[in-house]
Amino acid sequence: MGTASIHEGVRRMRFSSLLDRTEAKELTQEAASEILGINVRTFQRWAERYEAEGDDGLVDRRMGRRSPKRAPEEELERMLGLFRDKYADFTVKHFHEQLQKRHGYVLGYTVTKLALHAAGLVRKAPKRSAHRKKRPRRPLRGMLLHQDGSRHAWIEGLSAMDLIVTMDDATSEVYSMLLVEEEGTAFQALGEVIGERGLFCALYTDRGSHYFHTPTAGEKVSKTQQTQVGRALSHLGIEHIAAYSPEARGRSERMFATLQGRLPKDLRLAGIRTVEAANAWLKAHYLAEHNAAFAIKAEQEGTAFVADRHEAWREALCVIEERTVANDNTIAWSGRRLQLPESRLRPHFVKTVVRVHEYPDGTASVFFGPHRLARFAADRQQISPDAPQPGNVLGAVKDKPCRARKCASLTAPARAAVEIARVGAEKRASSRTKKPTRRANPAAISMA
C-alpha cells in the first residue's frame, strides 16, 4: 500500500467522524472543514457524495490517473541510457548540467534524481549531521582571498598534479586556477589576480614551506623570518594569515571537493590532454561557468581592491636574491654564469653585491640599486635592449695575448674610452714630454 492510499484512508475516517458530529449538532460545518483543512463548500460536496455513494464517494478521483505533467517515459529512458553509457561517474547535479548543456534535456533536477534513484543507478546521499557554526564571510570583495593547492589526477592519462586556486572569501568567486607539476611560490597566480583586479587586503593560506617558515613543526610560524611569498606580500602591504588546521580552511576544502568531482570529467569531455591546454581552457571557459554556478553575492556593494597604477607587483612577485659579482664580471644563477654587460654607471662591478629578480615566466633581471643592469631569458641568454653584442667587451684588447685578454676584460672599456678621448689631440711640446737629459761638460772632456 502506498503513502497516498494510507493518507486516503485516514482522510475518510476523519471525515466520517466529523460528519457524524455535525449531524449531531456538536460541530458546525465551518468548524469541521477547518479541522480537515478544506473550505466549507468542499465539505458539503463530500457530504453529498457520501450520502449518495457511501465510502466509494470519498475516493480521491485523481488516484490511478496519469498526471498530465508527468515526465515522458521516452525522455527518462534516454536520460538513463546516457548516464549508463557516458556519465556513470558524475554526480546527479553535474550530470543534469551536462544534459542541459550538451543533449537538449529539459526535465528538472528533482525528477532526474528520483528516476536515477528508482533505477538503482545512484544511491541516496546520507543525511548530514549538524555543522558547527561557520566563520562569517568578509563583507566586501577583495578584503580576504584564499589560496590553496590540491594534488589530484586532474587530467586523464597524466600523473597527479597541483591545482592552485585563488578564491574570494566574500563571494566564493574563483579568480585564478593554475595547474602546475608541483606547488611552489604561487607568484603566477597572485600576479594574475593583482594584474586584473588590483591589490587586496589579506591572503589566507596554509603553512606550506613556500608560504611560511615554521621553526618547529606543528607550532606557530615565524613572524620575523620570511619566505619569498611573505617578503613579496609584505612589500605590497598585504596581510598574510596562516591557517592552523584543515577545518580553518573549510571554504577551500569544500571548494576542492567540488572541483575534484567535476573538473577531471569536464577536462575529459573537452578533450584536454596536456597541462598547457588545460590552463588555457580553465581561463577561457571553465572559470566563468564555475563562478556562475557557485559564487554568491557579497554582503555589501563595492570592492576593497585597489589598483596598482605603478605596477609595483611586477618586481615584488618574483624570487629575489643577492649575488656578489665575480672577478670576470659575472654572477652565478641557476647553475650558470650570467655575464654583466657594459654600463655607464661604472667600468665594472667586481665584488659588488647585486640583486637578481627571477620572474614566474623564467626570465631574470639583475639590479644594482634601482638600476636594471641586464635582462636574461629563461635559457639565460641576454635580452636587455641596451646590451652590447658578444665580443665588444674584449674589443679594446683583442690584439693582446690570450693571457692578457683574460685579465684585461674588466678595465678594457675604461681604457678604450681614454684612448678615444686622446684621438686628434694636440701633440705636447718637447719640453713637456720628458725631463731634459744631462749633457757632458765640454770642459771636462777637453781636460781629459
Protein backbone atom coordinates (compact mmCIF):
# COMPACT_ATOMS: atom_id res chain seq x y z
CA MET A 1 0.00 0.00 0.00
CA GLY A 2 1.39 3.36 -1.00
CA THR A 3 1.59 6.53 1.05
CA ALA A 4 -1.23 8.12 -0.93
CA SER A 5 -3.56 5.20 -0.12
CA ILE A 6 -2.74 5.44 3.60
CA HIS A 7 -3.48 9.16 3.60
CA GLU A 8 -6.72 8.48 1.73
CA GLY A 9 -7.88 6.01 4.40
CA VAL A 10 -7.09 8.41 7.23
CA ARG A 11 -8.98 11.19 5.46
CA ARG A 12 -12.08 9.01 5.11
CA MET A 13 -12.12 8.06 8.80
CA ARG A 14 -11.68 11.65 9.94
CA PHE A 15 -14.40 12.86 7.59
CA SER A 16 -16.86 10.19 8.74
CA SER A 17 -16.29 11.09 12.39
CA LEU A 18 -16.66 14.82 11.77
CA LEU A 19 -19.75 14.30 9.62
CA ASP A 20 -21.44 12.38 12.46
CA ARG A 21 -20.60 15.21 14.88
CA THR A 22 -22.04 17.83 12.54
CA GLU A 23 -25.26 15.83 12.14
CA ALA A 24 -25.47 15.55 15.94
CA LYS A 25 -25.11 19.37 16.13
CA GLU A 26 -21.83 19.08 18.08
CA LEU A 27 -19.88 20.94 15.40
CA THR A 28 -20.73 23.37 12.68
CA GLN A 29 -19.70 22.68 9.09
CA GLU A 30 -17.32 25.62 9.29
CA ALA A 31 -15.51 24.13 12.31
CA ALA A 32 -15.38 20.66 10.75
CA SER A 33 -13.97 21.98 7.45
CA GLU A 34 -11.34 23.96 9.34
CA ILE A 35 -10.20 20.79 11.16
CA LEU A 36 -9.88 18.97 7.82
CA GLY A 37 -8.09 21.93 6.23
CA ILE A 38 -10.66 22.41 3.48
CA ASN A 39 -13.26 25.04 2.73
CA VAL A 40 -16.93 24.71 3.62
CA ARG A 41 -18.07 24.09 0.03
CA THR A 42 -15.71 21.13 -0.32
CA PHE A 43 -17.03 19.67 2.96
CA GLN A 44 -20.61 19.97 1.66
CA ARG A 45 -19.71 18.23 -1.65
CA TRP A 46 -18.04 15.37 0.22
CA ALA A 47 -21.15 15.03 2.45
CA GLU A 48 -23.42 14.84 -0.61
CA ARG A 49 -21.21 12.19 -2.29
CA TYR A 50 -21.01 10.19 0.94
CA GLU A 51 -24.81 10.10 1.26
CA ALA A 52 -25.19 9.12 -2.40
CA GLU A 53 -22.36 6.56 -2.79
CA GLY A 54 -21.17 5.69 0.71
CA ASP A 55 -17.44 5.20 1.24
CA ASP A 56 -16.84 4.99 -2.51
CA GLY A 57 -17.92 8.61 -2.81
CA LEU A 58 -14.96 9.70 -0.73
CA VAL A 59 -12.35 8.12 -3.01
CA ASP A 60 -9.88 10.65 -4.46
CA ARG A 61 -10.73 10.53 -8.13
CA ARG A 62 -7.19 11.65 -9.08
CA MET A 63 -5.74 8.34 -7.87
CA GLY A 64 -4.97 5.87 -10.64
CA ARG A 65 -4.97 8.57 -13.32
CA ARG A 66 -1.76 9.60 -15.08
CA SER A 67 -0.75 13.17 -14.37
CA PRO A 68 -0.69 15.37 -17.48
CA LYS A 69 2.56 16.88 -16.14
CA ARG A 70 4.34 13.56 -15.74
CA ALA A 71 7.72 13.30 -17.44
CA PRO A 72 7.67 11.40 -20.77
CA GLU A 73 8.91 7.83 -20.41
CA GLU A 74 10.97 8.11 -23.59
CA GLU A 75 12.90 11.11 -22.26
CA LEU A 76 13.57 9.36 -18.95
CA GLU A 77 14.84 6.26 -20.77
CA ARG A 78 17.14 8.42 -22.90
CA MET A 79 18.47 10.09 -19.76
CA LEU A 80 19.10 6.77 -18.03
CA GLY A 81 20.92 5.46 -21.11
CA LEU A 82 23.20 8.47 -21.25
CA PHE A 83 24.05 8.08 -17.57
CA ARG A 84 24.92 4.39 -18.00
CA ASP A 85 27.00 4.89 -21.15
CA LYS A 86 28.82 8.16 -20.61
CA TYR A 87 28.26 9.80 -17.23
CA ALA A 88 28.29 6.96 -14.71
CA ASP A 89 30.94 8.65 -12.53
CA PHE A 90 29.16 12.05 -12.44
CA THR A 91 27.17 13.42 -9.53
CA VAL A 92 23.46 13.96 -10.21
CA LYS A 93 23.84 17.75 -10.20
CA HIS A 94 26.82 17.70 -12.55
CA PHE A 95 25.09 15.14 -14.79
CA HIS A 96 21.95 17.28 -15.00
CA GLU A 97 24.01 20.34 -16.01
CA GLN A 98 25.73 18.39 -18.80
CA LEU A 99 22.39 17.06 -20.04
CA GLN A 100 21.05 20.59 -20.38
CA LYS A 101 24.22 21.92 -21.99
CA ARG A 102 25.05 19.08 -24.39
CA HIS A 103 21.90 16.99 -25.01
CA GLY A 104 18.92 19.39 -25.11
CA TYR A 105 17.45 17.99 -21.89
CA VAL A 106 14.54 20.00 -20.42
CA LEU A 107 13.38 17.96 -17.42
CA GLY A 108 14.09 19.25 -13.92
CA TYR A 109 16.77 18.19 -11.47
CA THR A 110 14.39 16.54 -8.98
CA VAL A 111 12.65 14.27 -11.48
CA THR A 112 16.07 13.29 -12.84
CA LYS A 113 17.38 12.43 -9.39
CA LEU A 114 14.27 10.42 -8.48
CA ALA A 115 14.44 8.47 -11.74
CA LEU A 116 18.10 7.61 -11.11
CA HIS A 117 17.25 6.51 -7.56
CA ALA A 118 14.37 4.36 -8.82
CA ALA A 119 16.60 2.73 -11.44
CA GLY A 120 19.25 1.94 -8.83
CA LEU A 121 21.95 3.91 -10.66
CA VAL A 122 22.54 6.43 -7.87
CA ARG A 123 22.44 5.84 -4.13
CA LYS A 124 20.67 8.29 -1.88
CA ALA A 125 23.02 10.62 -0.02
CA PRO A 126 23.17 10.04 3.75
CA LYS A 127 21.79 12.73 5.99
CA ARG A 128 24.39 15.16 7.25
CA SER A 129 24.92 15.88 10.91
CA ALA A 130 24.58 19.38 12.30
CA HIS A 131 27.55 21.50 11.24
CA ARG A 132 29.44 23.75 13.60
CA LYS A 133 28.98 27.47 13.24
CA LYS A 134 30.82 28.81 10.22
CA ARG A 135 33.10 31.82 10.28
CA PRO A 136 31.26 34.88 8.91
CA ARG A 137 32.34 35.95 5.45
CA ARG A 138 34.08 39.26 4.85
CA PRO A 139 31.53 41.83 3.67
CA LEU A 140 33.45 43.19 0.66
CA ARG A 141 35.17 41.59 -2.28
CA GLY A 142 38.94 41.91 -2.03
CA MET A 143 39.11 42.02 1.76
CA LEU A 144 40.31 38.41 2.12
CA LEU A 145 41.47 35.93 -0.51
CA HIS A 146 42.08 32.22 -0.01
CA GLN A 147 44.89 30.47 -1.88
CA ASP A 148 45.47 26.75 -1.66
CA GLY A 149 46.63 23.80 -3.74
CA SER A 150 45.22 20.31 -4.21
CA ARG A 151 47.15 17.35 -5.62
CA HIS A 152 44.96 15.14 -7.77
CA ALA A 153 44.88 13.33 -11.13
CA TRP A 154 43.20 16.24 -12.86
CA ILE A 155 43.97 15.21 -16.47
CA GLU A 156 43.14 11.71 -17.62
CA GLY A 157 46.27 9.76 -18.52
CA LEU A 158 48.68 12.05 -16.65
CA SER A 159 50.11 11.73 -13.16
CA ALA A 160 48.82 13.73 -10.21
CA MET A 161 49.49 17.49 -10.31
CA ASP A 162 48.77 20.50 -8.12
CA LEU A 163 45.87 22.82 -8.89
CA ILE A 164 46.49 26.29 -7.38
CA VAL A 165 43.23 28.17 -6.76
CA THR A 166 42.75 31.74 -5.55
CA MET A 167 39.24 32.46 -4.22
CA ASP A 168 37.47 35.45 -2.67
CA ASP A 169 36.13 34.94 0.85
CA ALA A 170 33.16 37.29 0.42
CA THR A 171 31.66 35.60 -2.65
CA SER A 172 33.48 32.26 -3.17
CA GLU A 173 34.32 33.58 -6.65
CA VAL A 174 37.43 31.91 -8.06
CA TYR A 175 39.83 34.44 -9.57
CA SER A 176 42.60 32.10 -10.71
CA MET A 177 43.13 28.39 -11.44
CA LEU A 178 46.54 27.10 -12.41
CA LEU A 179 47.78 23.55 -12.96
CA VAL A 180 51.45 23.02 -12.08
CA GLU A 181 53.68 20.00 -11.63
CA GLU A 182 54.34 20.89 -8.00
CA GLU A 183 53.10 23.68 -5.74
CA GLY A 184 55.76 26.37 -5.46
CA THR A 185 55.82 30.10 -4.81
CA ALA A 186 52.39 30.70 -6.46
CA PHE A 187 53.64 34.05 -7.80
CA GLN A 188 51.98 33.49 -11.17
CA ALA A 189 48.53 33.01 -9.62
CA LEU A 190 48.93 36.08 -7.41
CA GLY A 191 50.16 38.10 -10.38
CA GLU A 192 47.07 37.18 -12.41
CA VAL A 193 44.74 38.36 -9.65
CA ILE A 194 46.56 41.62 -8.89
CA GLY A 195 47.14 42.42 -12.56
CA GLU A 196 43.43 42.02 -13.41
CA ARG A 197 41.75 43.30 -10.22
CA GLY A 198 44.31 45.17 -8.10
CA LEU A 199 45.85 44.87 -4.66
CA PHE A 200 43.77 43.19 -1.94
CA CYS A 201 43.85 43.39 1.86
CA ALA A 202 44.79 39.92 3.15
CA LEU A 203 45.72 36.43 1.94
CA TYR A 204 44.74 33.26 3.85
CA THR A 205 46.90 30.17 3.19
CA ASP A 206 48.16 27.01 4.82
CA ARG A 207 51.58 26.83 6.45
CA GLY A 208 53.41 25.34 3.47
CA SER A 209 57.15 25.97 3.38
CA HIS A 210 56.77 28.29 0.39
CA TYR A 211 54.29 30.44 2.35
CA PHE A 212 55.74 30.47 5.88
CA HIS A 213 58.84 29.47 7.81
CA THR A 214 57.92 27.27 10.78
CA PRO A 215 60.88 26.90 13.19
CA THR A 216 59.34 23.89 14.96
CA ALA A 217 57.00 21.51 13.14
CA GLY A 218 53.41 21.84 14.29
CA GLU A 219 53.96 25.13 16.09
CA LYS A 220 53.36 28.74 15.10
CA VAL A 221 55.00 30.33 12.08
CA SER A 222 57.89 32.76 12.36
CA LYS A 223 56.99 36.44 12.44
CA THR A 224 60.50 37.59 11.54
CA GLN A 225 61.91 35.10 9.03
CA GLN A 226 60.02 35.46 5.77
CA THR A 227 59.79 33.30 2.69
CA GLN A 228 59.81 34.75 -0.81
CA VAL A 229 56.00 34.90 -0.77
CA GLY A 230 55.97 36.54 2.67
CA ARG A 231 58.52 39.12 1.56
CA ALA A 232 56.51 39.96 -1.57
CA LEU A 233 53.20 40.31 0.30
CA SER A 234 54.82 42.47 2.98
CA HIS A 235 56.33 44.70 0.29
CA LEU A 236 52.86 45.16 -1.28
CA GLY A 237 51.16 45.83 2.07
CA ILE A 238 49.08 42.63 2.02
CA GLU A 239 48.47 40.86 5.33
CA HIS A 240 49.43 37.17 5.30
CA ILE A 241 47.28 34.96 7.58
CA ALA A 242 48.24 31.36 8.39
CA ALA A 243 45.68 28.57 8.85
CA TYR A 244 46.49 26.03 11.54
CA SER A 245 44.04 23.24 10.61
CA PRO A 246 42.07 21.91 7.61
CA GLU A 247 38.86 22.94 9.36
CA ALA A 248 40.10 26.53 9.41
CA ARG A 249 40.32 26.34 5.60
CA GLY A 250 36.80 24.93 5.32
CA ARG A 251 35.79 27.02 2.33
CA SER A 252 38.88 25.98 0.37
CA GLU A 253 38.44 22.32 1.35
CA ARG A 254 34.79 22.25 0.23
CA MET A 255 35.67 24.03 -2.99
CA PHE A 256 38.36 21.45 -3.80
CA ALA A 257 35.92 18.62 -3.07
CA THR A 258 33.63 20.11 -5.69
CA LEU A 259 36.47 20.58 -8.18
CA GLN A 260 37.78 17.03 -7.74
CA GLY A 261 34.32 15.70 -8.52
CA ARG A 262 33.75 17.90 -11.56
CA LEU A 263 36.91 19.24 -13.18
CA PRO A 264 38.55 15.94 -14.32
CA LYS A 265 35.31 14.93 -16.04
CA ASP A 266 34.91 18.32 -17.73
CA LEU A 267 38.53 18.18 -18.94
CA ARG A 268 37.86 14.72 -20.33
CA LEU A 269 34.71 15.88 -22.16
CA ALA A 270 36.66 18.83 -23.60
CA GLY A 271 39.37 16.50 -24.93
CA ILE A 272 42.15 18.13 -22.87
CA ARG A 273 45.35 16.05 -22.68
CA THR A 274 48.17 18.49 -21.80
CA VAL A 275 48.85 20.90 -18.95
CA GLU A 276 49.23 23.87 -21.31
CA ALA A 277 45.88 23.21 -22.97
CA ALA A 278 44.24 22.68 -19.57
CA ASN A 279 45.45 26.04 -18.21
CA ALA A 280 44.27 27.86 -21.33
CA TRP A 281 40.86 26.14 -21.19
CA LEU A 282 40.44 26.86 -17.47
CA LYS A 283 40.96 30.56 -18.01
CA ALA A 284 38.93 30.86 -21.22
CA HIS A 285 35.95 28.64 -20.39
CA TYR A 286 35.76 26.96 -17.01
CA LEU A 287 36.23 29.88 -14.59
CA ALA A 288 33.13 31.73 -15.80
CA GLU A 289 30.98 28.58 -15.67
CA HIS A 290 32.18 27.66 -12.18
CA ASN A 291 31.56 31.14 -10.78
CA ALA A 292 28.11 31.32 -12.36
CA ALA A 293 27.17 28.08 -10.59
CA PHE A 294 28.80 28.54 -7.17
CA ALA A 295 29.63 32.21 -6.49
CA ILE A 296 27.29 34.17 -4.23
CA LYS A 297 26.57 37.86 -3.76
CA ALA A 298 28.73 39.83 -1.33
CA GLU A 299 27.12 41.22 1.80
CA GLN A 300 27.95 44.79 0.77
CA GLU A 301 28.23 46.52 -2.57
CA GLY A 302 31.61 47.77 -3.76
CA THR A 303 35.13 46.37 -3.67
CA ALA A 304 38.22 46.53 -1.49
CA PHE A 305 40.59 46.02 -4.44
CA VAL A 306 42.96 48.94 -5.10
CA ALA A 307 44.56 49.48 -8.49
CA ASP A 308 48.38 49.31 -8.55
CA ARG A 309 48.99 52.12 -11.02
CA HIS A 310 52.77 51.87 -10.79
CA GLU A 311 52.65 48.07 -11.17
CA ALA A 312 54.97 47.54 -8.24
CA TRP A 313 53.73 43.95 -8.06
CA ARG A 314 55.77 43.01 -11.15
CA GLU A 315 59.08 43.48 -9.30
CA ALA A 316 57.69 42.21 -5.97
CA LEU A 317 56.09 38.92 -7.07
CA CYS A 318 59.33 37.20 -8.03
CA VAL A 319 62.24 35.37 -6.44
CA ILE A 320 64.77 37.97 -5.24
CA GLU A 321 68.25 37.01 -4.08
CA GLU A 322 71.60 38.79 -3.75
CA ARG A 323 74.77 37.81 -5.59
CA THR A 324 78.35 39.07 -5.45
CA VAL A 325 79.89 39.79 -8.84
CA ALA A 326 82.94 37.63 -9.59
CA ASN A 327 86.31 38.79 -10.95
CA ASP A 328 85.21 38.16 -14.54
CA ASN A 329 82.17 40.47 -14.12
CA THR A 330 79.71 37.56 -13.95
CA ILE A 331 77.29 36.21 -11.35
CA ALA A 332 76.18 32.65 -10.62
CA TRP A 333 72.48 31.87 -11.05
CA SER A 334 70.64 28.56 -11.51
CA GLY A 335 73.86 26.70 -12.25
CA ARG A 336 75.04 29.15 -14.93
CA ARG A 337 77.23 32.22 -15.15
CA LEU A 338 75.49 35.41 -16.26
CA GLN A 339 77.76 37.96 -17.92
CA LEU A 340 77.02 41.55 -16.98
CA PRO A 341 77.20 43.96 -19.94
CA GLU A 342 78.96 47.29 -20.14
CA SER A 343 77.37 50.05 -18.07
CA ARG A 344 77.63 53.82 -17.84
CA LEU A 345 77.46 53.58 -14.05
CA ARG A 346 80.98 52.20 -13.57
CA PRO A 347 83.70 50.39 -15.54
CA HIS A 348 82.91 47.04 -13.88
CA PHE A 349 81.01 45.55 -10.93
CA VAL A 350 83.62 43.19 -9.49
CA LYS A 351 82.93 42.42 -5.79
CA THR A 352 79.69 44.43 -5.98
CA VAL A 353 76.54 42.98 -4.38
CA VAL A 354 73.67 42.98 -6.90
CA ARG A 355 70.07 41.70 -6.80
CA VAL A 356 68.70 39.03 -9.10
CA HIS A 357 64.94 39.01 -9.79
CA GLU A 358 63.64 35.75 -11.30
CA TYR A 359 60.09 36.15 -12.62
CA PRO A 360 57.37 33.46 -12.86
CA ASP A 361 57.92 33.08 -16.62
CA GLY A 362 61.58 32.07 -16.04
CA THR A 363 63.18 35.34 -17.15
CA ALA A 364 65.55 37.19 -14.81
CA SER A 365 66.89 40.69 -14.27
CA VAL A 366 70.00 41.95 -12.46
CA PHE A 367 69.69 45.17 -10.42
CA PHE A 368 72.27 47.49 -8.89
CA GLY A 369 70.25 49.67 -6.55
CA PRO A 370 67.34 50.98 -8.65
CA HIS A 371 69.20 50.38 -11.93
CA ARG A 372 68.50 47.34 -14.09
CA LEU A 373 71.83 46.18 -15.44
CA ALA A 374 70.61 43.36 -17.69
CA ARG A 375 67.72 41.04 -18.51
CA PHE A 376 68.03 37.37 -19.34
CA ALA A 377 65.65 34.92 -20.99
CA ALA A 378 64.67 31.60 -19.44
CA ASP A 379 67.62 29.98 -21.22
CA ARG A 380 69.84 32.69 -19.64
CA GLN A 381 70.55 34.44 -22.92
CA GLN A 382 70.79 38.20 -22.51
CA ILE A 383 67.71 40.07 -23.81
CA SER A 384 68.42 43.55 -22.47
CA PRO A 385 67.76 46.11 -25.24
CA ASP A 386 70.90 48.08 -24.47
CA ALA A 387 73.17 45.04 -24.19
CA PRO A 388 76.33 45.07 -26.31
CA GLN A 389 76.97 42.50 -28.96
CA PRO A 390 79.05 39.50 -27.90
CA GLY A 391 82.75 40.30 -28.03
CA ASN A 392 82.52 44.08 -27.58
CA VAL A 393 83.85 43.94 -24.05
CA LEU A 394 87.06 42.37 -25.31
CA GLY A 395 87.30 44.52 -28.41
CA ALA A 396 89.77 47.02 -26.94
CA VAL A 397 92.28 44.33 -26.02
CA LYS A 398 91.80 41.87 -28.88
CA ASP A 399 95.39 42.42 -30.08
CA LYS A 400 96.90 41.44 -26.74
CA PRO A 401 97.99 37.93 -25.91
CA CYS A 402 95.34 35.49 -24.71
CA ARG A 403 96.60 35.55 -21.12
CA ALA A 404 96.48 39.36 -21.03
CA ARG A 405 92.95 39.45 -22.51
CA LYS A 406 91.60 37.25 -19.73
CA CYS A 407 92.74 39.75 -17.12
CA ALA A 408 92.05 42.93 -19.06
CA SER A 409 88.40 42.37 -20.00
CA LEU A 410 87.07 44.29 -16.99
CA THR A 411 89.01 47.51 -17.41
CA ALA A 412 89.29 47.46 -21.20
CA PRO A 413 86.20 49.64 -21.78
CA ALA A 414 87.56 52.33 -19.50
CA ARG A 415 90.99 52.34 -21.16
CA ALA A 416 89.40 52.33 -24.58
CA ALA A 417 87.36 55.40 -23.65
CA VAL A 418 90.53 57.22 -22.58
CA GLU A 419 92.24 56.36 -25.86
CA ILE A 420 89.25 57.62 -27.83
CA ALA A 421 89.37 60.90 -25.94
CA ARG A 422 93.05 61.39 -26.95
CA VAL A 423 92.43 60.97 -30.68
CA GLY A 424 93.15 64.24 -32.52
CA ALA A 425 94.61 65.98 -29.50
CA GLU A 426 97.47 68.45 -29.96
CA LYS A 427 100.94 66.97 -29.56
CA ARG A 428 102.70 68.07 -26.45
CA ALA A 429 105.72 70.31 -26.69
CA SER A 430 109.02 68.52 -26.49
CA SER A 431 109.86 70.40 -23.34
CA ARG A 432 106.82 68.82 -21.59
CA THR A 433 107.28 65.25 -22.68
CA LYS A 434 110.47 64.31 -20.82
CA LYS A 435 112.92 65.85 -18.47
CA PRO A 436 116.00 67.29 -20.26
CA THR A 437 118.85 64.85 -20.38
CA ARG A 438 122.11 65.76 -18.63
CA ARG A 439 124.79 66.54 -21.22
CA ALA A 440 128.53 66.00 -20.67
CA ASN A 441 130.60 69.08 -19.71
CA PRO A 442 132.79 70.14 -22.71
CA ALA A 443 135.45 71.50 -20.36
CA ALA A 444 135.73 68.20 -18.59
CA ILE A 445 136.07 66.43 -21.88
CA SER A 446 138.91 68.72 -23.08
CA MET A 447 140.75 68.32 -19.78
CA ALA A 448 140.59 64.60 -20.18
